PDB file of N, CA and C in Angstrom:
ATOM      1  N   MET A   1     108.583 220.913 105.653  1.00  0.00           N
ATOM      2  CA  MET A   1     108.551 221.703 106.859  1.00  0.00           C
ATOM      3  C   MET A   1     109.887 222.416 106.990  1.00  0.00           C
ATOM      4  N   SER A   2     109.854 223.667 107.385  1.00  0.00           N
ATOM      5  CA  SER A   2     111.100 224.377 107.597  1.00  0.00           C
ATOM      6  C   SER A   2     111.055 225.079 108.941  1.00  0.00           C
ATOM      7  N   SER A   3     112.222 225.309 109.486  1.00  0.00           N
ATOM      8  CA  SER A   3     112.319 226.085 110.715  1.00  0.00           C
ATOM      9  C   SER A   3     113.548 226.942 110.601  1.00  0.00           C
ATOM     10  N   LYS A   4     113.740 227.815 111.575  1.00  0.00           N
ATOM     11  CA  LYS A   4     114.904 228.688 111.507  1.00  0.00           C
ATOM     12  C   LYS A   4     116.199 227.923 111.697  1.00  0.00           C
ATOM     13  N   LEU A   5     116.127 226.635 112.067  1.00  0.00           N
ATOM     14  CA  LEU A   5     117.331 225.829 112.242  1.00  0.00           C
ATOM     15  C   LEU A   5     117.745 225.125 110.959  1.00  0.00           C
ATOM     16  N   ASP A   6     116.910 225.196 109.921  1.00  0.00           N
ATOM     17  CA  ASP A   6     117.197 224.568 108.633  1.00  0.00           C
ATOM     18  C   ASP A   6     117.612 223.107 108.770  1.00  0.00           C
ATOM     19  N   GLN A   7     116.890 222.366 109.563  1.00  0.00           N
ATOM     20  CA  GLN A   7     117.214 220.963 109.763  1.00  0.00           C
ATOM     21  C   GLN A   7     116.856 220.125 108.550  1.00  0.00           C
ATOM     22  N   LYS A   8     117.428 218.976 108.488  1.00  0.00           N
ATOM     23  CA  LYS A   8     117.112 217.997 107.460  1.00  0.00           C
ATOM     24  C   LYS A   8     115.995 217.099 107.979  1.00  0.00           C
ATOM     25  N   VAL A   9     115.127 216.671 107.083  1.00  0.00           N
ATOM     26  CA  VAL A   9     114.063 215.743 107.443  1.00  0.00           C
ATOM     27  C   VAL A   9     114.258 214.479 106.615  1.00  0.00           C
ATOM     28  N   VAL A  10     114.341 213.337 107.300  1.00  0.00           N
ATOM     29  CA  VAL A  10     114.525 212.038 106.660  1.00  0.00           C
ATOM     30  C   VAL A  10     113.373 211.141 107.093  1.00  0.00           C
ATOM     31  N   GLU A  11     112.779 210.418 106.145  1.00  0.00           N
ATOM     32  CA  GLU A  11     111.748 209.439 106.477  1.00  0.00           C
ATOM     33  C   GLU A  11     112.332 208.046 106.340  1.00  0.00           C
ATOM     34  N   VAL A  12     112.141 207.229 107.368  1.00  0.00           N
ATOM     35  CA  VAL A  12     112.585 205.846 107.344  1.00  0.00           C
ATOM     36  C   VAL A  12     111.321 204.992 107.274  1.00  0.00           C
ATOM     37  N   ASN A  13     111.083 204.417 106.108  1.00  0.00           N
ATOM     38  CA  ASN A  13     109.898 203.588 105.891  1.00  0.00           C
ATOM     39  C   ASN A  13     110.273 202.123 106.056  1.00  0.00           C
ATOM     40  N   ILE A  14     109.539 201.437 106.899  1.00  0.00           N
ATOM     41  CA  ILE A  14     109.752 200.015 107.114  1.00  0.00           C
ATOM     42  C   ILE A  14     108.484 199.298 106.689  1.00  0.00           C
ATOM     43  N   SER A  15     108.605 198.482 105.660  1.00  0.00           N
ATOM     44  CA  SER A  15     107.435 197.733 105.206  1.00  0.00           C
ATOM     45  C   SER A  15     107.772 196.251 105.196  1.00  0.00           C
ATOM     46  N   THR A  16     106.743 195.447 105.355  1.00  0.00           N
ATOM     47  CA  THR A  16     106.938 194.007 105.382  1.00  0.00           C
ATOM     48  C   THR A  16     105.743 193.310 104.739  1.00  0.00           C
ATOM     49  N   LYS A  17     105.992 192.150 104.187  1.00  0.00           N
ATOM     50  CA  LYS A  17     104.914 191.344 103.614  1.00  0.00           C
ATOM     51  C   LYS A  17     104.650 190.127 104.482  1.00  0.00           C
ATOM     52  N   SER A  18     105.189 190.149 105.675  1.00  0.00           N
ATOM     53  CA  SER A  18     105.008 189.021 106.585  1.00  0.00           C
ATOM     54  C   SER A  18     104.040 189.409 107.697  1.00  0.00           C
ATOM     55  N   SER A  19     103.852 188.508 108.642  1.00  0.00           N
ATOM     56  CA  SER A  19     102.970 188.792 109.772  1.00  0.00           C
ATOM     57  C   SER A  19     103.681 189.580 110.875  1.00  0.00           C
ATOM     58  N   PHE A  20     104.980 189.820 110.705  1.00  0.00           N
ATOM     59  CA  PHE A  20     105.738 190.575 111.698  1.00  0.00           C
ATOM     60  C   PHE A  20     105.556 192.065 111.479  1.00  0.00           C
ATOM     61  N   ARG A  21     105.499 192.810 112.581  1.00  0.00           N
ATOM     62  CA  ARG A  21     105.364 194.265 112.522  1.00  0.00           C
ATOM     63  C   ARG A  21     106.657 194.912 113.009  1.00  0.00           C
ATOM     64  N   PRO A  22     107.045 196.041 112.408  1.00  0.00           N
ATOM     65  CA  PRO A  22     108.217 196.756 112.923  1.00  0.00           C
ATOM     66  C   PRO A  22     107.884 197.421 114.255  1.00  0.00           C
ATOM     67  N   THR A  23     108.896 197.667 115.044  1.00  0.00           N
ATOM     68  CA  THR A  23     108.697 198.264 116.360  1.00  0.00           C
ATOM     69  C   THR A  23     108.094 199.664 116.257  1.00  0.00           C
ATOM     70  N   GLU A  24     107.324 200.020 117.264  1.00  0.00           N
ATOM     71  CA  GLU A  24     106.763 201.364 117.395  1.00  0.00           C
ATOM     72  C   GLU A  24     107.179 201.979 118.724  1.00  0.00           C
ATOM     73  N   ILE A  25     108.181 201.404 119.351  1.00  0.00           N
ATOM     74  CA  ILE A  25     108.656 201.861 120.658  1.00  0.00           C
ATOM     75  C   ILE A  25     109.663 202.995 120.448  1.00  0.00           C
ATOM     76  N   VAL A  26     109.432 204.112 121.113  1.00  0.00           N
ATOM     77  CA  VAL A  26     110.276 205.297 120.936  1.00  0.00           C
ATOM     78  C   VAL A  26     111.749 204.978 121.190  1.00  0.00           C
ATOM     79  N   ALA A  27     112.050 204.241 122.243  1.00  0.00           N
ATOM     80  CA  ALA A  27     113.453 203.929 122.573  1.00  0.00           C
ATOM     81  C   ALA A  27     114.117 203.126 121.455  1.00  0.00           C
ATOM     82  N   ASP A  28     113.394 202.199 120.862  1.00  0.00           N
ATOM     83  CA  ASP A  28     113.949 201.420 119.753  1.00  0.00           C
ATOM     84  C   ASP A  28     114.225 202.309 118.544  1.00  0.00           C
ATOM     85  N   LEU A  29     113.268 203.181 118.230  1.00  0.00           N
ATOM     86  CA  LEU A  29     113.426 204.061 117.067  1.00  0.00           C
ATOM     87  C   LEU A  29     114.514 205.100 117.304  1.00  0.00           C
ATOM     88  N   ARG A  30     114.672 205.512 118.542  1.00  0.00           N
ATOM     89  CA  ARG A  30     115.787 206.408 118.891  1.00  0.00           C
ATOM     90  C   ARG A  30     117.110 205.715 118.580  1.00  0.00           C
ATOM     91  N   ASN A  31     117.238 204.451 118.994  1.00  0.00           N
ATOM     92  CA  ASN A  31     118.474 203.705 118.730  1.00  0.00           C
ATOM     93  C   ASN A  31     118.739 203.584 117.238  1.00  0.00           C
ATOM     94  N   VAL A  32     117.699 203.352 116.459  1.00  0.00           N
ATOM     95  CA  VAL A  32     117.850 203.258 115.002  1.00  0.00           C
ATOM     96  C   VAL A  32     118.353 204.587 114.444  1.00  0.00           C
ATOM     97  N   ALA A  33     117.701 205.687 114.833  1.00  0.00           N
ATOM     98  CA  ALA A  33     118.075 207.009 114.328  1.00  0.00           C
ATOM     99  C   ALA A  33     119.512 207.361 114.712  1.00  0.00           C
ATOM    100  N   GLU A  34     119.881 207.111 115.969  1.00  0.00           N
ATOM    101  CA  GLU A  34     121.242 207.434 116.425  1.00  0.00           C
ATOM    102  C   GLU A  34     122.289 206.553 115.745  1.00  0.00           C
ATOM    103  N   THR A  35     121.929 205.315 115.436  1.00  0.00           N
ATOM    104  CA  THR A  35     122.859 204.427 114.741  1.00  0.00           C
ATOM    105  C   THR A  35     123.048 204.871 113.293  1.00  0.00           C
ATOM    106  N   LEU A  36     121.948 205.225 112.632  1.00  0.00           N
ATOM    107  CA  LEU A  36     122.035 205.663 111.239  1.00  0.00           C
ATOM    108  C   LEU A  36     122.800 206.966 111.080  1.00  0.00           C
ATOM    109  N   TYR A  37     122.661 207.858 112.043  1.00  0.00           N
ATOM    110  CA  TYR A  37     123.233 209.205 111.907  1.00  0.00           C
ATOM    111  C   TYR A  37     124.231 209.534 113.009  1.00  0.00           C
ATOM    112  N   HIS A  38     125.027 208.531 113.396  1.00  0.00           N
ATOM    113  CA  HIS A  38     126.098 208.738 114.374  1.00  0.00           C
ATOM    114  C   HIS A  38     127.020 209.830 113.860  1.00  0.00           C
ATOM    115  N   PRO A  39     127.443 210.793 114.619  1.00  0.00           N
ATOM    116  CA  PRO A  39     127.440 210.918 116.073  1.00  0.00           C
ATOM    117  C   PRO A  39     126.275 211.739 116.636  1.00  0.00           C
ATOM    118  N   LEU A  40     125.233 212.008 115.848  1.00  0.00           N
ATOM    119  CA  LEU A  40     124.101 212.784 116.362  1.00  0.00           C
ATOM    120  C   LEU A  40     123.393 212.019 117.480  1.00  0.00           C
ATOM    121  N   LYS A  41     122.827 212.772 118.418  1.00  0.00           N
ATOM    122  CA  LYS A  41     122.138 212.193 119.580  1.00  0.00           C
ATOM    123  C   LYS A  41     120.743 212.793 119.703  1.00  0.00           C
ATOM    124  N   LEU A  42     119.912 212.153 120.507  1.00  0.00           N
ATOM    125  CA  LEU A  42     118.536 212.585 120.712  1.00  0.00           C
ATOM    126  C   LEU A  42     118.462 214.006 121.272  1.00  0.00           C
ATOM    127  N   ALA A  43     117.614 214.827 120.641  1.00  0.00           N
ATOM    128  CA  ALA A  43     117.315 216.159 121.169  1.00  0.00           C
ATOM    129  C   ALA A  43     115.846 216.252 121.559  1.00  0.00           C
ATOM    130  N   GLY A  44     115.032 215.319 121.060  1.00  0.00           N
ATOM    131  CA  GLY A  44     113.610 215.317 121.374  1.00  0.00           C
ATOM    132  C   GLY A  44     112.895 214.271 120.553  1.00  0.00           C
ATOM    133  N   PHE A  45     111.600 214.120 120.817  1.00  0.00           N
ATOM    134  CA  PHE A  45     110.782 213.201 120.035  1.00  0.00           C
ATOM    135  C   PHE A  45     109.350 213.694 120.042  1.00  0.00           C
ATOM    136  N   LEU A  46     108.573 213.184 119.121  1.00  0.00           N
ATOM    137  CA  LEU A  46     107.144 213.459 119.059  1.00  0.00           C
ATOM    138  C   LEU A  46     106.431 212.174 118.679  1.00  0.00           C
ATOM    139  N   ASP A  47     105.418 211.819 119.445  1.00  0.00           N
ATOM    140  CA  ASP A  47     104.519 210.726 119.098  1.00  0.00           C
ATOM    141  C   ASP A  47     103.247 211.382 118.569  1.00  0.00           C
ATOM    142  N   GLU A  48     103.034 211.301 117.259  1.00  0.00           N
ATOM    143  CA  GLU A  48     101.881 211.970 116.639  1.00  0.00           C
ATOM    144  C   GLU A  48     100.545 211.460 117.165  1.00  0.00           C
ATOM    145  N   ARG A  49     100.486 210.203 117.555  1.00  0.00           N
ATOM    146  CA  ARG A  49      99.213 209.629 118.005  1.00  0.00           C
ATOM    147  C   ARG A  49      98.753 210.229 119.330  1.00  0.00           C
ATOM    148  N   THR A  50      99.689 210.476 120.233  1.00  0.00           N
ATOM    149  CA  THR A  50      99.331 210.934 121.582  1.00  0.00           C
ATOM    150  C   THR A  50      99.754 212.371 121.875  1.00  0.00           C
ATOM    151  N   SER A  51     100.520 212.978 120.980  1.00  0.00           N
ATOM    152  CA  SER A  51     101.126 214.311 121.170  1.00  0.00           C
ATOM    153  C   SER A  51     102.160 214.292 122.289  1.00  0.00           C
ATOM    154  N   GLU A  52     102.577 213.116 122.734  1.00  0.00           N
ATOM    155  CA  GLU A  52     103.628 213.031 123.742  1.00  0.00           C
ATOM    156  C   GLU A  52     104.934 213.500 123.098  1.00  0.00           C
ATOM    157  N   HIS A  53     105.679 214.304 123.843  1.00  0.00           N
ATOM    158  CA  HIS A  53     106.934 214.837 123.330  1.00  0.00           C
ATOM    159  C   HIS A  53     107.860 215.148 124.493  1.00  0.00           C
ATOM    160  N   LEU A  54     109.127 215.289 124.190  1.00  0.00           N
ATOM    161  CA  LEU A  54     110.110 215.657 125.206  1.00  0.00           C
ATOM    162  C   LEU A  54     109.993 217.161 125.406  1.00  0.00           C
ATOM    163  N   CYS A  55     109.501 217.571 126.574  1.00  0.00           N
ATOM    164  CA  CYS A  55     109.168 218.972 126.803  1.00  0.00           C
ATOM    165  C   CYS A  55     110.027 219.563 127.928  1.00  0.00           C
ATOM    166  N   ILE A  56     110.802 220.558 127.584  1.00  0.00           N
ATOM    167  CA  ILE A  56     111.649 221.249 128.555  1.00  0.00           C
ATOM    168  C   ILE A  56     110.789 221.886 129.643  1.00  0.00           C
ATOM    169  N   ASP A  57     109.669 222.482 129.246  1.00  0.00           N
ATOM    170  CA  ASP A  57     108.796 223.164 130.208  1.00  0.00           C
ATOM    171  C   ASP A  57     108.241 222.198 131.242  1.00  0.00           C
ATOM    172  N   GLU A  58     107.672 221.093 130.768  1.00  0.00           N
ATOM    173  CA  GLU A  58     107.084 220.126 131.690  1.00  0.00           C
ATOM    174  C   GLU A  58     108.137 219.521 132.610  1.00  0.00           C
ATOM    175  N   ASN A  59     109.364 219.349 132.106  1.00  0.00           N
ATOM    176  CA  ASN A  59     110.444 218.842 132.954  1.00  0.00           C
ATOM    177  C   ASN A  59     110.799 219.824 134.066  1.00  0.00           C
ATOM    178  N   LYS A  60     110.536 221.114 133.841  1.00  0.00           N
ATOM    179  CA  LYS A  60     110.787 222.145 134.853  1.00  0.00           C
ATOM    180  C   LYS A  60     109.574 222.375 135.749  1.00  0.00           C
ATOM    181  N   GLY A  61     108.466 221.682 135.448  1.00  0.00           N
ATOM    182  CA  GLY A  61     107.260 221.829 136.259  1.00  0.00           C
ATOM    183  C   GLY A  61     106.392 223.017 135.894  1.00  0.00           C
ATOM    184  N   VAL A  62     106.557 223.552 134.679  1.00  0.00           N
ATOM    185  CA  VAL A  62     105.722 224.661 134.220  1.00  0.00           C
ATOM    186  C   VAL A  62     104.882 224.192 133.034  1.00  0.00           C
ATOM    187  N   PRO A  63     103.800 224.911 132.721  1.00  0.00           N
ATOM    188  CA  PRO A  63     102.954 224.491 131.593  1.00  0.00           C
ATOM    189  C   PRO A  63     103.723 224.455 130.271  1.00  0.00           C
ATOM    190  N   CYS A  64     103.353 223.515 129.438  1.00  0.00           N
ATOM    191  CA  CYS A  64     103.993 223.320 128.135  1.00  0.00           C
ATOM    192  C   CYS A  64     103.742 224.526 127.226  1.00  0.00           C
ATOM    193  N   SER A  65     104.812 225.052 126.635  1.00  0.00           N
ATOM    194  CA  SER A  65     104.685 226.197 125.726  1.00  0.00           C
ATOM    195  C   SER A  65     104.454 225.752 124.282  1.00  0.00           C
ATOM    196  N   HIS A  66     104.292 224.454 124.063  1.00  0.00           N
ATOM    197  CA  HIS A  66     104.080 223.920 122.714  1.00  0.00           C
ATOM    198  C   HIS A  66     102.605 223.669 122.443  1.00  0.00           C
ATOM    199  N   GLN A  67     101.742 224.282 123.242  1.00  0.00           N
ATOM    200  CA  GLN A  67     100.308 224.123 123.064  1.00  0.00           C
ATOM    201  C   GLN A  67      99.697 225.428 122.588  1.00  0.00           C
ATOM    202  N   THR A  68      98.672 225.299 121.771  1.00  0.00           N
ATOM    203  CA  THR A  68      97.960 226.472 121.280  1.00  0.00           C
ATOM    204  C   THR A  68      97.012 226.962 122.376  1.00  0.00           C
ATOM    205  N   ASN A  69      96.330 228.049 122.110  1.00  0.00           N
ATOM    206  CA  ASN A  69      95.410 228.625 123.101  1.00  0.00           C
ATOM    207  C   ASN A  69      94.298 227.669 123.508  1.00  0.00           C
ATOM    208  N   ASP A  70      93.920 226.754 122.605  1.00  0.00           N
ATOM    209  CA  ASP A  70      92.851 225.801 122.934  1.00  0.00           C
ATOM    210  C   ASP A  70      93.389 224.533 123.597  1.00  0.00           C
ATOM    211  N   GLY A  71      94.701 224.501 123.884  1.00  0.00           N
ATOM    212  CA  GLY A  71      95.283 223.386 124.627  1.00  0.00           C
ATOM    213  C   GLY A  71      95.768 222.223 123.795  1.00  0.00           C
ATOM    214  N   THR A  72      95.699 222.336 122.456  1.00  0.00           N
ATOM    215  CA  THR A  72      96.185 221.255 121.602  1.00  0.00           C
ATOM    216  C   THR A  72      97.669 221.443 121.306  1.00  0.00           C
ATOM    217  N   PHE A  73      98.350 220.325 121.081  1.00  0.00           N
ATOM    218  CA  PHE A  73      99.778 220.347 120.796  1.00  0.00           C
ATOM    219  C   PHE A  73     100.025 220.954 119.416  1.00  0.00           C
ATOM    220  N   SER A  74     101.093 221.749 119.285  1.00  0.00           N
ATOM    221  CA  SER A  74     101.453 222.373 118.010  1.00  0.00           C
ATOM    222  C   SER A  74     102.865 221.952 117.614  1.00  0.00           C
ATOM    223  N   ILE A  75     102.970 221.173 116.539  1.00  0.00           N
ATOM    224  CA  ILE A  75     104.293 220.766 116.058  1.00  0.00           C
ATOM    225  C   ILE A  75     105.092 221.982 115.605  1.00  0.00           C
ATOM    226  N   GLU A  76     104.422 222.996 115.074  1.00  0.00           N
ATOM    227  CA  GLU A  76     105.125 224.201 114.637  1.00  0.00           C
ATOM    228  C   GLU A  76     105.842 224.879 115.806  1.00  0.00           C
ATOM    229  N   LEU A  77     105.153 225.002 116.937  1.00  0.00           N
ATOM    230  CA  LEU A  77     105.778 225.610 118.116  1.00  0.00           C
ATOM    231  C   LEU A  77     106.933 224.755 118.625  1.00  0.00           C
ATOM    232  N   TYR A  78     106.776 223.428 118.553  1.00  0.00           N
ATOM    233  CA  TYR A  78     107.825 222.519 119.034  1.00  0.00           C
ATOM    234  C   TYR A  78     109.072 222.614 118.160  1.00  0.00           C
ATOM    235  N   VAL A  79     108.882 222.609 116.842  1.00  0.00           N
ATOM    236  CA  VAL A  79     110.013 222.656 115.915  1.00  0.00           C
ATOM    237  C   VAL A  79     110.731 224.000 115.997  1.00  0.00           C
ATOM    238  N   GLN A  80     110.006 225.074 116.264  1.00  0.00           N
ATOM    239  CA  GLN A  80     110.606 226.400 116.298  1.00  0.00           C
ATOM    240  C   GLN A  80     111.214 226.766 117.648  1.00  0.00           C
ATOM    241  N   ASP A  81     111.041 225.926 118.639  1.00  0.00           N
ATOM    242  CA  ASP A  81     111.618 226.179 119.966  1.00  0.00           C
ATOM    243  C   ASP A  81     113.136 226.153 119.833  1.00  0.00           C
ATOM    244  N   ASP A  82     113.794 227.261 120.119  1.00  0.00           N
ATOM    245  CA  ASP A  82     115.244 227.322 119.904  1.00  0.00           C
ATOM    246  C   ASP A  82     116.053 227.429 121.194  1.00  0.00           C
ATOM    247  N   ARG A  83     115.471 226.995 122.306  1.00  0.00           N
ATOM    248  CA  ARG A  83     116.237 226.970 123.544  1.00  0.00           C
ATOM    249  C   ARG A  83     117.361 225.940 123.408  1.00  0.00           C
ATOM    250  N   PRO A  84     118.464 226.163 124.086  1.00  0.00           N
ATOM    251  CA  PRO A  84     119.634 225.294 123.896  1.00  0.00           C
ATOM    252  C   PRO A  84     119.366 223.798 124.029  1.00  0.00           C
ATOM    253  N   LEU A  85     118.531 223.381 124.972  1.00  0.00           N
ATOM    254  CA  LEU A  85     118.300 221.949 125.140  1.00  0.00           C
ATOM    255  C   LEU A  85     117.399 221.355 124.069  1.00  0.00           C
ATOM    256  N   SER A  86     116.690 222.196 123.324  1.00  0.00           N
ATOM    257  CA  SER A  86     115.768 221.656 122.321  1.00  0.00           C
ATOM    258  C   SER A  86     116.271 221.838 120.898  1.00  0.00           C
ATOM    259  N   LYS A  87     117.420 222.462 120.704  1.00  0.00           N
ATOM    260  CA  LYS A  87     117.929 222.669 119.349  1.00  0.00           C
ATOM    261  C   LYS A  87     118.198 221.332 118.684  1.00  0.00           C
ATOM    262  N   HIS A  88     117.821 221.233 117.445  1.00  0.00           N
ATOM    263  CA  HIS A  88     118.066 220.014 116.693  1.00  0.00           C
ATOM    264  C   HIS A  88     118.486 220.384 115.279  1.00  0.00           C
ATOM    265  N   THR A  89     119.173 219.465 114.623  1.00  0.00           N
ATOM    266  CA  THR A  89     119.641 219.704 113.268  1.00  0.00           C
ATOM    267  C   THR A  89     119.021 218.743 112.265  1.00  0.00           C
ATOM    268  N   MET A  90     118.351 217.692 112.758  1.00  0.00           N
ATOM    269  CA  MET A  90     117.773 216.702 111.870  1.00  0.00           C
ATOM    270  C   MET A  90     116.543 216.081 112.505  1.00  0.00           C
ATOM    271  N   ILE A  91     115.566 215.771 111.669  1.00  0.00           N
ATOM    272  CA  ILE A  91     114.379 215.043 112.103  1.00  0.00           C
ATOM    273  C   ILE A  91     114.346 213.725 111.343  1.00  0.00           C
ATOM    274  N   VAL A  92     114.221 212.630 112.076  1.00  0.00           N
ATOM    275  CA  VAL A  92     114.066 211.313 111.460  1.00  0.00           C
ATOM    276  C   VAL A  92     112.633 210.873 111.753  1.00  0.00           C
ATOM    277  N   LYS A  93     111.840 210.737 110.691  1.00  0.00           N
ATOM    278  CA  LYS A  93     110.427 210.378 110.837  1.00  0.00           C
ATOM    279  C   LYS A  93     110.243 208.896 110.522  1.00  0.00           C
ATOM    280  N   PHE A  94     109.465 208.244 111.352  1.00  0.00           N
ATOM    281  CA  PHE A  94     109.117 206.841 111.155  1.00  0.00           C
ATOM    282  C   PHE A  94     107.603 206.782 110.921  1.00  0.00           C
ATOM    283  N   PRO A  95     107.159 206.882 109.656  1.00  0.00           N
ATOM    284  CA  PRO A  95     105.722 206.960 109.361  1.00  0.00           C
ATOM    285  C   PRO A  95     104.909 205.766 109.870  1.00  0.00           C
ATOM    286  N   HIS A  96     105.472 204.574 109.874  1.00  0.00           N
ATOM    287  CA  HIS A  96     104.710 203.400 110.315  1.00  0.00           C
ATOM    288  C   HIS A  96     104.308 203.519 111.786  1.00  0.00           C
ATOM    289  N   ALA A  97     105.130 204.218 112.580  1.00  0.00           N
ATOM    290  CA  ALA A  97     104.873 204.367 114.017  1.00  0.00           C
ATOM    291  C   ALA A  97     104.319 205.746 114.358  1.00  0.00           C
ATOM    292  N   ARG A  98     104.350 206.663 113.387  1.00  0.00           N
ATOM    293  CA  ARG A  98     103.954 208.056 113.594  1.00  0.00           C
ATOM    294  C   ARG A  98     104.800 208.691 114.709  1.00  0.00           C
ATOM    295  N   ILE A  99     106.103 208.390 114.662  1.00  0.00           N
ATOM    296  CA  ILE A  99     107.073 208.909 115.636  1.00  0.00           C
ATOM    297  C   ILE A  99     108.100 209.757 114.889  1.00  0.00           C
ATOM    298  N   TRP A 100     108.433 210.897 115.472  1.00  0.00           N
ATOM    299  CA  TRP A 100     109.514 211.749 114.968  1.00  0.00           C
ATOM    300  C   TRP A 100     110.620 211.741 116.007  1.00  0.00           C
ATOM    301  N   ILE A 101     111.852 211.567 115.556  1.00  0.00           N
ATOM    302  CA  ILE A 101     113.015 211.641 116.442  1.00  0.00           C
ATOM    303  C   ILE A 101     113.826 212.866 116.009  1.00  0.00           C
ATOM    304  N   PHE A 102     114.081 213.772 116.936  1.00  0.00           N
ATOM    305  CA  PHE A 102     114.858 214.978 116.679  1.00  0.00           C
ATOM    306  C   PHE A 102     116.292 214.736 117.148  1.00  0.00           C
ATOM    307  N   LEU A 103     117.253 214.965 116.265  1.00  0.00           N
ATOM    308  CA  LEU A 103     118.662 214.731 116.585  1.00  0.00           C
ATOM    309  C   LEU A 103     119.438 216.036 116.545  1.00  0.00           C
ATOM    310  N   ARG A 104     120.515 216.064 117.333  1.00  0.00           N
ATOM    311  CA  ARG A 104     121.440 217.210 117.276  1.00  0.00           C
ATOM    312  C   ARG A 104     122.863 216.700 117.328  1.00  0.00           C
TER     313      ARG A 104
END
C-alpha cells in the first residue's frame, strides 16, 4: 500500500502454541507500537473487523469523509487523508487482531 506520505508499513505477528491468546485490545496494541517505535505516537487506528477508526470528522460532529458513496468504510480514503491531525509516517499492523495503528 502506498500513499502520498510514503509511510512505512510493519507487520507484528504474534503466534503461540499454547492456549493463551495475544491481546486484541486497541489500547494494548497502541502501547506495543509506541514502545517499539519510540518516539512516534498514535495518529490513528483502524479495526478491520468493525471499520472503527479514529475519525477527525466524527469528532467534529460531521459525517465521516472516509466512507464511499454506498456508506462503506474506505481504507484508501483514510490513508490518503492529509489533514494535520491525521498525518502519519508509519503503519503498524497486527494481523492476529486485524488492527492497524498509525504513528507519527
